[in-house]
């Protein structure tokens, strides 16, 4: 069964995955950005090229990917394990093809972040202007590209994101399983408490020990400054456009670095969700 690690891009998903990698490393094993840790808790990206090939899907045709979301999950779940999958996909149903279902999903963790800060970080990641990035965040036809396969020129549409608010609502409204929601801002403010809650949630699906000492150690290993330093030293295979993946990781950067006109558009467009989440 699948436990999703889901979020809109640049919302803290990578920090969560790196924390879990660090927490479940075997003794004396060196933490690395690019070397997988425990097979049990190491999240795969969904979907990826290997999964698509396993069900004979042409990755350049997104509707073929959507048609096979469930097929890929069913094939993966044949291993009889709890499978952690990282995704930026909105939890949508397209042409009667649902992204997931209760036969394949047992739970999930969703991280949400202030869209004004998301815009700054996402813009840097994509190598686009703030204005062009905002246009994507406002579009239901916004896709995440995977450029890891050099045989596919320009990459392929791996996931459909939709708008920032629809993405959040798609996971919030999922009734099949209980999804654990948290705000990036809360995780940053009180990581010990929030990572403890995350581990307690995961205990519903898989046996594990929750250690305050291990939590504190993993938080220290994966704090933003350390991850940024590691990226400089060893690189990071999730970089894009030759930009560093780890940019600032701070809360409220939009106040100083985002055009007030763009802030206003975000606040007016996503008003209900931002009020609900305490961003307005």
C-alpha atoms as a PDB file:
ATOM      1  CA  UNK A   1       0.000   0.000   0.000  1.00  0.00           C
ATOM      2  CA  UNK A   2       1.092   3.559  -0.708  1.00  0.00           C
ATOM      3  CA  UNK A   3       1.859   6.413   1.658  1.00  0.00           C
ATOM      4  CA  UNK A   4       2.058   9.634  -0.370  1.00  0.00           C
ATOM      5  CA  UNK A   5       4.486  12.445   0.364  1.00  0.00           C
ATOM      6  CA  UNK A   6       2.655  15.136  -1.565  1.00  0.00           C
ATOM      7  CA  UNK A   7       2.952  18.869  -2.066  1.00  0.00           C
ATOM      8  CA  UNK A   8       2.919  21.650  -4.582  1.00  0.00           C
ATOM      9  CA  UNK A   9       6.538  22.200  -5.725  1.00  0.00           C
ATOM     10  CA  UNK A  10       8.912  24.119  -3.431  1.00  0.00           C
ATOM     11  CA  UNK A  11       6.814  23.583  -0.326  1.00  0.00           C
ATOM     12  CA  UNK A  12       9.050  21.419   1.856  1.00  0.00           C
ATOM     13  CA  UNK A  13       8.626  17.948   0.365  1.00  0.00           C
ATOM     14  CA  UNK A  14      12.373  17.511  -0.073  1.00  0.00           C
ATOM     15  CA  UNK A  15      13.064  18.433   3.548  1.00  0.00           C
ATOM     16  CA  UNK A  16      10.541  15.816   4.678  1.00  0.00           C
ATOM     17  CA  UNK A  17      12.162  13.140   2.512  1.00  0.00           C
ATOM     18  CA  UNK A  18      15.662  14.052   3.661  1.00  0.00           C
ATOM     19  CA  UNK A  19      14.544  13.984   7.300  1.00  0.00           C
ATOM     20  CA  UNK A  20      13.102  10.474   6.878  1.00  0.00           C
ATOM     21  CA  UNK A  21      16.280   9.377   5.098  1.00  0.00           C
ATOM     22  CA  UNK A  22      18.410  10.684   7.952  1.00  0.00           C
ATOM     23  CA  UNK A  23      16.166   9.322  10.713  1.00  0.00           C
ATOM     24  CA  UNK A  24      16.215   5.786   9.352  1.00  0.00           C
ATOM     25  CA  UNK A  25      19.865   5.599   8.312  1.00  0.00           C
ATOM     26  CA  UNK A  26      21.716   2.639   9.706  1.00  0.00           C
ATOM     27  CA  UNK A  27      24.294   3.383  12.375  1.00  0.00           C
ATOM     28  CA  UNK A  28      27.569   4.813  11.087  1.00  0.00           C
ATOM     29  CA  UNK A  29      26.076   5.420   7.621  1.00  0.00           C
ATOM     30  CA  UNK A  30      26.917   8.841   6.204  1.00  0.00           C
ATOM     31  CA  UNK A  31      23.974  10.984   5.161  1.00  0.00           C
ATOM     32  CA  UNK A  32      23.979  12.098   1.528  1.00  0.00           C
ATOM     33  CA  UNK A  33      21.638  14.043  -0.703  1.00  0.00           C
ATOM     34  CA  UNK A  34      22.107  11.603  -3.546  1.00  0.00           C
ATOM     35  CA  UNK A  35      22.499   8.202  -1.858  1.00  0.00           C
ATOM     36  CA  UNK A  36      19.336   6.399  -0.812  1.00  0.00           C
ATOM     37  CA  UNK A  37      18.853   5.362   2.786  1.00  0.00           C
ATOM     38  CA  UNK A  38      16.529   2.706   4.235  1.00  0.00           C
ATOM     39  CA  UNK A  39      14.666   0.836   1.509  1.00  0.00           C
ATOM     40  CA  UNK A  40      11.542   0.883   3.668  1.00  0.00           C
ATOM     41  CA  UNK A  41      11.322   4.661   4.112  1.00  0.00           C
ATOM     42  CA  UNK A  42      13.014   5.886   0.933  1.00  0.00           C
ATOM     43  CA  UNK A  43      10.406   7.561  -1.266  1.00  0.00           C
ATOM     44  CA  UNK A  44      10.287   6.969  -5.011  1.00  0.00           C
ATOM     45  CA  UNK A  45       9.066   9.712  -7.317  1.00  0.00           C
ATOM     46  CA  UNK A  46       5.690   8.962  -8.855  1.00  0.00           C
ATOM     47  CA  UNK A  47       5.503   8.473 -11.685  1.00  0.00           C
ATOM     48  CA  UNK A  48       8.996   7.871 -12.990  1.00  0.00           C
ATOM     49  CA  UNK A  49      10.359   6.504 -16.254  1.00  0.00           C
ATOM     50  CA  UNK A  50      10.827   2.992 -14.870  1.00  0.00           C
ATOM     51  CA  UNK A  51       7.195   2.827 -13.737  1.00  0.00           C
ATOM     52  CA  UNK A  52       5.997   4.101 -17.108  1.00  0.00           C
ATOM     53  CA  UNK A  53       8.055   1.516 -18.975  1.00  0.00           C
ATOM     54  CA  UNK A  54       6.707  -1.256 -16.742  1.00  0.00           C
ATOM     55  CA  UNK A  55       3.193  -0.574 -18.041  1.00  0.00           C
ATOM     56  CA  UNK A  56       4.329   0.269 -21.601  1.00  0.00           C
ATOM     57  CA  UNK A  57       3.270   3.916 -21.472  1.00  0.00           C
ATOM     58  CA  UNK A  58       4.539   6.523 -23.900  1.00  0.00           C
ATOM     59  CA  UNK A  59       5.741   9.256 -21.490  1.00  0.00           C
ATOM     60  CA  UNK A  60       5.246  11.988 -24.078  1.00  0.00           C
ATOM     61  CA  UNK A  61       1.456  11.451 -23.993  1.00  0.00           C
ATOM     62  CA  UNK A  62       0.151  12.694 -20.661  1.00  0.00           C
ATOM     63  CA  UNK A  63      -3.328  11.186 -21.081  1.00  0.00           C
ATOM     64  CA  UNK A  64      -1.674   7.786 -21.391  1.00  0.00           C
ATOM     65  CA  UNK A  65       0.061   8.479 -18.078  1.00  0.00           C
ATOM     66  CA  UNK A  66      -3.223   9.478 -16.430  1.00  0.00           C
ATOM     67  CA  UNK A  67      -4.965   6.366 -17.780  1.00  0.00           C
ATOM     68  CA  UNK A  68      -2.311   4.253 -16.105  1.00  0.00           C
ATOM     69  CA  UNK A  69      -2.001   5.971 -12.703  1.00  0.00           C
ATOM     70  CA  UNK A  70      -3.863   3.097 -11.040  1.00  0.00           C
ATOM     71  CA  UNK A  71      -2.136   0.408 -13.120  1.00  0.00           C
ATOM     72  CA  UNK A  72       1.287   1.676 -12.023  1.00  0.00           C
ATOM     73  CA  UNK A  73       0.202   1.760  -8.391  1.00  0.00           C
ATOM     74  CA  UNK A  74      -1.287  -1.737  -8.541  1.00  0.00           C
ATOM     75  CA  UNK A  75       1.900  -3.106 -10.071  1.00  0.00           C
ATOM     76  CA  UNK A  76       4.031  -1.443  -7.406  1.00  0.00           C
ATOM     77  CA  UNK A  77       1.822  -2.734  -4.591  1.00  0.00           C
ATOM     78  CA  UNK A  78       2.314  -6.334  -5.703  1.00  0.00           C
ATOM     79  CA  UNK A  79       5.428  -6.282  -3.503  1.00  0.00           C
ATOM     80  CA  UNK A  80       3.149  -6.401  -0.457  1.00  0.00           C
ATOM     81  CA  UNK A  81       5.054  -3.574   1.255  1.00  0.00           C
ATOM     82  CA  UNK A  82       4.294  -0.064   2.418  1.00  0.00           C
ATOM     83  CA  UNK A  83       5.547   2.066  -0.479  1.00  0.00           C
ATOM     84  CA  UNK A  84       6.453   5.713   0.071  1.00  0.00           C
ATOM     85  CA  UNK A  85       5.855   7.787  -3.051  1.00  0.00           C
ATOM     86  CA  UNK A  86       6.756  11.433  -3.503  1.00  0.00           C
ATOM     87  CA  UNK A  87       4.520  13.367  -5.861  1.00  0.00           C
ATOM     88  CA  UNK A  88       3.676  16.884  -6.973  1.00  0.00           C
ATOM     89  CA  UNK A  89       0.573  15.631  -8.761  1.00  0.00           C
ATOM     90  CA  UNK A  90      -2.759  17.133  -7.829  1.00  0.00           C
ATOM     91  CA  UNK A  91      -5.142  14.427  -6.599  1.00  0.00           C
ATOM     92  CA  UNK A  92      -7.475  14.800  -9.562  1.00  0.00           C
ATOM     93  CA  UNK A  93      -9.709  12.611 -11.671  1.00  0.00           C
ATOM     94  CA  UNK A  94      -9.212  13.173 -15.399  1.00  0.00           C
ATOM     95  CA  UNK A  95     -11.662  11.659 -17.880  1.00  0.00           C
ATOM     96  CA  UNK A  96     -12.830   9.257 -15.144  1.00  0.00           C
ATOM     97  CA  UNK A  97      -9.259   8.201 -14.355  1.00  0.00           C
ATOM     98  CA  UNK A  98      -8.560   8.903 -10.653  1.00  0.00           C
ATOM     99  CA  UNK A  99      -5.055   9.680  -9.490  1.00  0.00           C
ATOM    100  CA  UNK A 100      -5.335   7.070  -6.748  1.00  0.00           C
ATOM    101  CA  UNK A 101      -7.874   5.015  -4.783  1.00  0.00           C
ATOM    102  CA  UNK A 102      -8.329   3.238  -1.459  1.00  0.00           C
ATOM    103  CA  UNK A 103      -7.242  -0.075  -2.955  1.00  0.00           C
ATOM    104  CA  UNK A 104      -3.764   1.348  -3.437  1.00  0.00           C
ATOM    105  CA  UNK A 105      -3.428   4.185  -0.913  1.00  0.00           C
ATOM    106  CA  UNK A 106      -3.285   3.767   2.856  1.00  0.00           C
ATOM    107  CA  UNK A 107      -2.285   7.312   3.826  1.00  0.00           C
ATOM    108  CA  UNK A 108      -0.352  10.423   2.944  1.00  0.00           C
ATOM    109  CA  UNK A 109       1.400  13.536   4.172  1.00  0.00           C
ATOM    110  CA  UNK A 110       0.657  16.846   2.466  1.00  0.00           C
ATOM    111  CA  UNK A 111       2.792  19.947   3.024  1.00  0.00           C
ATOM    112  CA  UNK A 112       1.391  23.356   2.108  1.00  0.00           C
ATOM    113  CA  UNK A 113       3.283  26.666   1.975  1.00  0.00           C
ATOM    114  CA  UNK A 114       2.361  30.332   1.565  1.00  0.00           C
ATOM    115  CA  UNK A 115       1.932  30.746  -2.218  1.00  0.00           C
ATOM    116  CA  UNK A 116       3.750  34.082  -2.159  1.00  0.00           C
ATOM    117  CA  UNK A 117       6.905  32.376  -0.901  1.00  0.00           C
ATOM    118  CA  UNK A 118       6.279  29.426  -3.218  1.00  0.00           C
ATOM    119  CA  UNK A 119       6.301  31.824  -6.154  1.00  0.00           C
ATOM    120  CA  UNK A 120       9.768  33.169  -5.315  1.00  0.00           C
ATOM    121  CA  UNK A 121      11.292  29.740  -4.799  1.00  0.00           C
ATOM    122  CA  UNK A 122       9.530  28.167  -7.790  1.00  0.00           C
ATOM    123  CA  UNK A 123      10.599  31.041 -10.032  1.00  0.00           C
ATOM    124  CA  UNK A 124      14.222  30.426  -9.078  1.00  0.00           C
ATOM    125  CA  UNK A 125      13.830  26.683  -9.633  1.00  0.00           C
ATOM    126  CA  UNK A 126      12.245  27.075 -13.071  1.00  0.00           C
ATOM    127  CA  UNK A 127      14.533  29.892 -14.186  1.00  0.00           C
ATOM    128  CA  UNK A 128      11.508  32.026 -15.062  1.00  0.00           C
ATOM    129  CA  UNK A 129      10.421  35.527 -14.082  1.00  0.00           C
ATOM    130  CA  UNK A 130       8.071  35.993 -11.153  1.00  0.00           C
ATOM    131  CA  UNK A 131       5.320  37.035 -13.548  1.00  0.00           C
ATOM    132  CA  UNK A 132       5.703  33.986 -15.797  1.00  0.00           C
ATOM    133  CA  UNK A 133       5.833  31.670 -12.808  1.00  0.00           C
ATOM    134  CA  UNK A 134       2.673  33.194 -11.385  1.00  0.00           C
ATOM    135  CA  UNK A 135       0.896  32.572 -14.701  1.00  0.00           C
ATOM    136  CA  UNK A 136       1.689  28.880 -14.239  1.00  0.00           C
ATOM    137  CA  UNK A 137       0.458  28.876 -10.638  1.00  0.00           C
ATOM    138  CA  UNK A 138      -2.833  30.348 -11.861  1.00  0.00           C
ATOM    139  CA  UNK A 139      -3.353  27.803 -14.642  1.00  0.00           C
ATOM    140  CA  UNK A 140      -5.115  24.446 -14.419  1.00  0.00           C
ATOM    141  CA  UNK A 141      -2.985  23.387 -17.400  1.00  0.00           C
ATOM    142  CA  UNK A 142       0.223  23.632 -15.408  1.00  0.00           C
ATOM    143  CA  UNK A 143       2.368  20.500 -15.604  1.00  0.00           C
ATOM    144  CA  UNK A 144       5.557  19.370 -13.895  1.00  0.00           C
ATOM    145  CA  UNK A 145       8.218  18.391 -16.426  1.00  0.00           C
ATOM    146  CA  UNK A 146      10.645  15.524 -15.950  1.00  0.00           C
ATOM    147  CA  UNK A 147      13.858  16.082 -17.877  1.00  0.00           C
ATOM    148  CA  UNK A 148      15.828  13.191 -16.374  1.00  0.00           C
ATOM    149  CA  UNK A 149      15.563  10.992 -19.475  1.00  0.00           C
ATOM    150  CA  UNK A 150      17.990  12.428 -22.025  1.00  0.00           C
ATOM    151  CA  UNK A 151      16.264  10.439 -24.778  1.00  0.00           C
ATOM    152  CA  UNK A 152      13.178  12.660 -24.482  1.00  0.00           C
ATOM    153  CA  UNK A 153      14.033  16.095 -25.809  1.00  0.00           C
ATOM    154  CA  UNK A 154      12.599  18.813 -23.598  1.00  0.00           C
ATOM    155  CA  UNK A 155      11.365  16.286 -21.044  1.00  0.00           C
ATOM    156  CA  UNK A 156       7.844  14.978 -20.578  1.00  0.00           C
ATOM    157  CA  UNK A 157       4.803  16.019 -18.553  1.00  0.00           C
ATOM    158  CA  UNK A 158       5.149  13.853 -15.460  1.00  0.00           C
ATOM    159  CA  UNK A 159       2.460  15.422 -13.257  1.00  0.00           C
ATOM    160  CA  UNK A 160      -0.415  17.816 -13.530  1.00  0.00           C
ATOM    161  CA  UNK A 161      -0.242  20.538 -10.896  1.00  0.00           C
ATOM    162  CA  UNK A 162      -3.123  22.815 -11.737  1.00  0.00           C
ATOM    163  CA  UNK A 163      -3.402  26.007  -9.707  1.00  0.00           C
ATOM    164  CA  UNK A 164      -1.870  26.336  -6.260  1.00  0.00           C
ATOM    165  CA  UNK A 165      -5.317  26.374  -4.607  1.00  0.00           C
ATOM    166  CA  UNK A 166      -6.792  23.503  -6.635  1.00  0.00           C
ATOM    167  CA  UNK A 167      -3.736  21.428  -5.808  1.00  0.00           C
ATOM    168  CA  UNK A 168      -4.235  21.979  -2.082  1.00  0.00           C
ATOM    169  CA  UNK A 169      -7.995  21.411  -2.293  1.00  0.00           C
ATOM    170  CA  UNK A 170      -7.582  18.231  -4.336  1.00  0.00           C
ATOM    171  CA  UNK A 171      -5.710  16.579  -1.483  1.00  0.00           C
ATOM    172  CA  UNK A 172      -7.778  18.198   1.262  1.00  0.00           C
ATOM    173  CA  UNK A 173     -11.005  16.884  -0.253  1.00  0.00           C
ATOM    174  CA  UNK A 174      -9.730  13.317  -0.672  1.00  0.00           C
ATOM    175  CA  UNK A 175     -12.055  11.165   1.421  1.00  0.00           C
ATOM    176  CA  UNK A 176     -10.532   7.755   0.798  1.00  0.00           C
ATOM    177  CA  UNK A 177      -7.882   7.890   3.518  1.00  0.00           C
ATOM    178  CA  UNK A 178      -6.827  10.198   6.320  1.00  0.00           C
ATOM    179  CA  UNK A 179      -4.159  12.559   5.011  1.00  0.00           C
ATOM    180  CA  UNK A 180      -1.825  14.284   7.476  1.00  0.00           C
ATOM    181  CA  UNK A 181      -1.662  17.994   6.626  1.00  0.00           C
ATOM    182  CA  UNK A 182       0.957  20.414   7.842  1.00  0.00           C
ATOM    183  CA  UNK A 183       2.186  23.880   6.956  1.00  0.00           C
ATOM    184  CA  UNK A 184       5.798  24.437   5.972  1.00  0.00           C
ATOM    185  CA  UNK A 185       5.830  27.453   8.240  1.00  0.00           C
ATOM    186  CA  UNK A 186       4.872  25.342  11.280  1.00  0.00           C
ATOM    187  CA  UNK A 187       7.490  22.763  10.384  1.00  0.00           C
ATOM    188  CA  UNK A 188      10.122  25.469  10.257  1.00  0.00           C
ATOM    189  CA  UNK A 189       8.976  27.087  13.505  1.00  0.00           C
ATOM    190  CA  UNK A 190       8.754  23.899  15.553  1.00  0.00           C
ATOM    191  CA  UNK A 191      10.439  21.017  13.699  1.00  0.00           C
ATOM    192  CA  UNK A 192      10.766  18.791  16.781  1.00  0.00           C
ATOM    193  CA  UNK A 193       7.025  18.833  17.399  1.00  0.00           C
ATOM    194  CA  UNK A 194       6.000  18.465  13.770  1.00  0.00           C
ATOM    195  CA  UNK A 195       8.428  15.672  12.867  1.00  0.00           C
ATOM    196  CA  UNK A 196       7.326  13.861  16.026  1.00  0.00           C
ATOM    197  CA  UNK A 197       3.712  14.121  14.833  1.00  0.00           C
ATOM    198  CA  UNK A 198       4.716  12.873  11.389  1.00  0.00           C
ATOM    199  CA  UNK A 199       6.427   9.803  12.838  1.00  0.00           C
ATOM    200  CA  UNK A 200       3.464   9.102  15.111  1.00  0.00           C
ATOM    201  CA  UNK A 201       1.221   9.262  12.044  1.00  0.00           C
ATOM    202  CA  UNK A 202       3.455   6.830  10.158  1.00  0.00           C
ATOM    203  CA  UNK A 203       3.211   4.382  13.059  1.00  0.00           C
ATOM    204  CA  UNK A 204      -0.340   3.734  11.877  1.00  0.00           C
ATOM    205  CA  UNK A 205       1.078   1.917   8.874  1.00  0.00           C
ATOM    206  CA  UNK A 206       4.497   0.597   9.742  1.00  0.00           C
ATOM    207  CA  UNK A 207       6.275  -0.330  12.993  1.00  0.00           C
ATOM    208  CA  UNK A 208       8.868   2.214  14.045  1.00  0.00           C
ATOM    209  CA  UNK A 209      10.412   3.696  17.165  1.00  0.00           C
ATOM    210  CA  UNK A 210       9.941   7.411  17.823  1.00  0.00           C
ATOM    211  CA  UNK A 211      13.025   8.815  19.538  1.00  0.00           C
ATOM    212  CA  UNK A 212      13.284  12.464  20.574  1.00  0.00           C
ATOM    213  CA  UNK A 213      17.059  12.178  20.423  1.00  0.00           C
ATOM    214  CA  UNK A 214      17.005  10.791  16.888  1.00  0.00           C
ATOM    215  CA  UNK A 215      14.509  13.440  15.818  1.00  0.00           C
ATOM    216  CA  UNK A 216      16.772  16.225  17.111  1.00  0.00           C
ATOM    217  CA  UNK A 217      19.808  14.672  15.419  1.00  0.00           C
ATOM    218  CA  UNK A 218      18.023  14.304  12.071  1.00  0.00           C
ATOM    219  CA  UNK A 219      16.729  17.866  12.255  1.00  0.00           C
ATOM    220  CA  UNK A 220      20.283  19.063  12.798  1.00  0.00           C
ATOM    221  CA  UNK A 221      21.596  16.996   9.879  1.00  0.00           C
ATOM    222  CA  UNK A 222      18.873  18.205   7.511  1.00  0.00           C
ATOM    223  CA  UNK A 223      18.625  21.842   8.558  1.00  0.00           C
ATOM    224  CA  UNK A 224      18.594  24.150   5.577  1.00  0.00           C
ATOM    225  CA  UNK A 225      22.159  25.438   5.964  1.00  0.00           C
ATOM    226  CA  UNK A 226      23.532  21.883   6.013  1.00  0.00           C
ATOM    227  CA  UNK A 227      21.538  20.760   2.968  1.00  0.00           C
ATOM    228  CA  UNK A 228      22.641  23.845   1.062  1.00  0.00           C
ATOM    229  CA  UNK A 229      26.273  23.172   2.020  1.00  0.00           C
ATOM    230  CA  UNK A 230      25.982  19.531   0.931  1.00  0.00           C
ATOM    231  CA  UNK A 231      24.546  20.598  -2.411  1.00  0.00           C
ATOM    232  CA  UNK A 232      27.611  22.754  -3.042  1.00  0.00           C
ATOM    233  CA  UNK A 233      29.965  19.962  -2.012  1.00  0.00           C
ATOM    234  CA  UNK A 234      28.383  16.945  -3.718  1.00  0.00           C
ATOM    235  CA  UNK A 235      25.715  18.341  -6.044  1.00  0.00           C
ATOM    236  CA  UNK A 236      22.075  17.328  -6.019  1.00  0.00           C
ATOM    237  CA  UNK A 237      20.399  15.232  -8.686  1.00  0.00           C
ATOM    238  CA  UNK A 238      17.153  17.231  -8.364  1.00  0.00           C
ATOM    239  CA  UNK A 239      18.720  20.500  -9.489  1.00  0.00           C
ATOM    240  CA  UNK A 240      17.251  22.165 -12.553  1.00  0.00           C
ATOM    241  CA  UNK A 241      18.392  24.873 -14.946  1.00  0.00           C
ATOM    242  CA  UNK A 242      21.818  24.829 -13.305  1.00  0.00           C
ATOM    243  CA  UNK A 243      20.387  26.624 -10.273  1.00  0.00           C
ATOM    244  CA  UNK A 244      20.977  25.453  -6.729  1.00  0.00           C
ATOM    245  CA  UNK A 245      17.942  23.573  -5.442  1.00  0.00           C
ATOM    246  CA  UNK A 246      18.221  24.947  -1.917  1.00  0.00           C
ATOM    247  CA  UNK A 247      17.684  28.694  -2.152  1.00  0.00           C
ATOM    248  CA  UNK A 248      16.647  30.372   1.125  1.00  0.00           C
ATOM    249  CA  UNK A 249      14.021  28.235   2.834  1.00  0.00           C
ATOM    250  CA  UNK A 250      12.749  31.193   4.843  1.00  0.00           C
ATOM    251  CA  UNK A 251       9.267  32.377   5.755  1.00  0.00           C
ATOM    252  CA  UNK A 252       8.019  35.763   4.563  1.00  0.00           C
ATOM    253  CA  UNK A 253      10.674  36.363   1.904  1.00  0.00           C
ATOM    254  CA  UNK A 254       7.876  37.659  -0.330  1.00  0.00           C
ATOM    255  CA  UNK A 255       7.546  40.793   1.813  1.00  0.00           C
ATOM    256  CA  UNK A 256      10.877  42.110   0.565  1.00  0.00           C
ATOM    257  CA  UNK A 257      11.313  40.409  -2.782  1.00  0.00           C
ATOM    258  CA  UNK A 258       7.922  40.088  -4.452  1.00  0.00           C
ATOM    259  CA  UNK A 259       6.275  42.868  -6.448  1.00  0.00           C
ATOM    260  CA  UNK A 260       3.228  44.032  -4.432  1.00  0.00           C
ATOM    261  CA  UNK A 261       1.145  43.830  -7.609  1.00  0.00           C
ATOM    262  CA  UNK A 262       1.873  40.109  -7.890  1.00  0.00           C
ATOM    263  CA  UNK A 263       1.230  39.629  -4.164  1.00  0.00           C
ATOM    264  CA  UNK A 264      -2.156  41.246  -4.598  1.00  0.00           C
ATOM    265  CA  UNK A 265      -3.064  38.926  -7.482  1.00  0.00           C
ATOM    266  CA  UNK A 266      -2.154  35.892  -5.374  1.00  0.00           C
ATOM    267  CA  UNK A 267      -4.077  37.173  -2.362  1.00  0.00           C
ATOM    268  CA  UNK A 268      -7.196  37.931  -4.399  1.00  0.00           C
ATOM    269  CA  UNK A 269      -7.123  34.687  -6.392  1.00  0.00           C
ATOM    270  CA  UNK A 270      -6.374  32.348  -3.497  1.00  0.00           C
ATOM    271  CA  UNK A 271      -8.129  34.413  -0.831  1.00  0.00           C
ATOM    272  CA  UNK A 272     -10.341  31.687   0.659  1.00  0.00           C
ATOM    273  CA  UNK A 273      -7.590  29.104   0.984  1.00  0.00           C
ATOM    274  CA  UNK A 274      -5.071  31.621   2.333  1.00  0.00           C
ATOM    275  CA  UNK A 275      -7.525  32.788   4.997  1.00  0.00           C
ATOM    276  CA  UNK A 276      -8.282  29.186   5.911  1.00  0.00           C
ATOM    277  CA  UNK A 277      -4.570  28.452   6.310  1.00  0.00           C
ATOM    278  CA  UNK A 278      -3.817  31.639   8.212  1.00  0.00           C
ATOM    279  CA  UNK A 279      -1.774  33.313   5.476  1.00  0.00           C
ATOM    280  CA  UNK A 280      -4.185  36.257   5.353  1.00  0.00           C
END
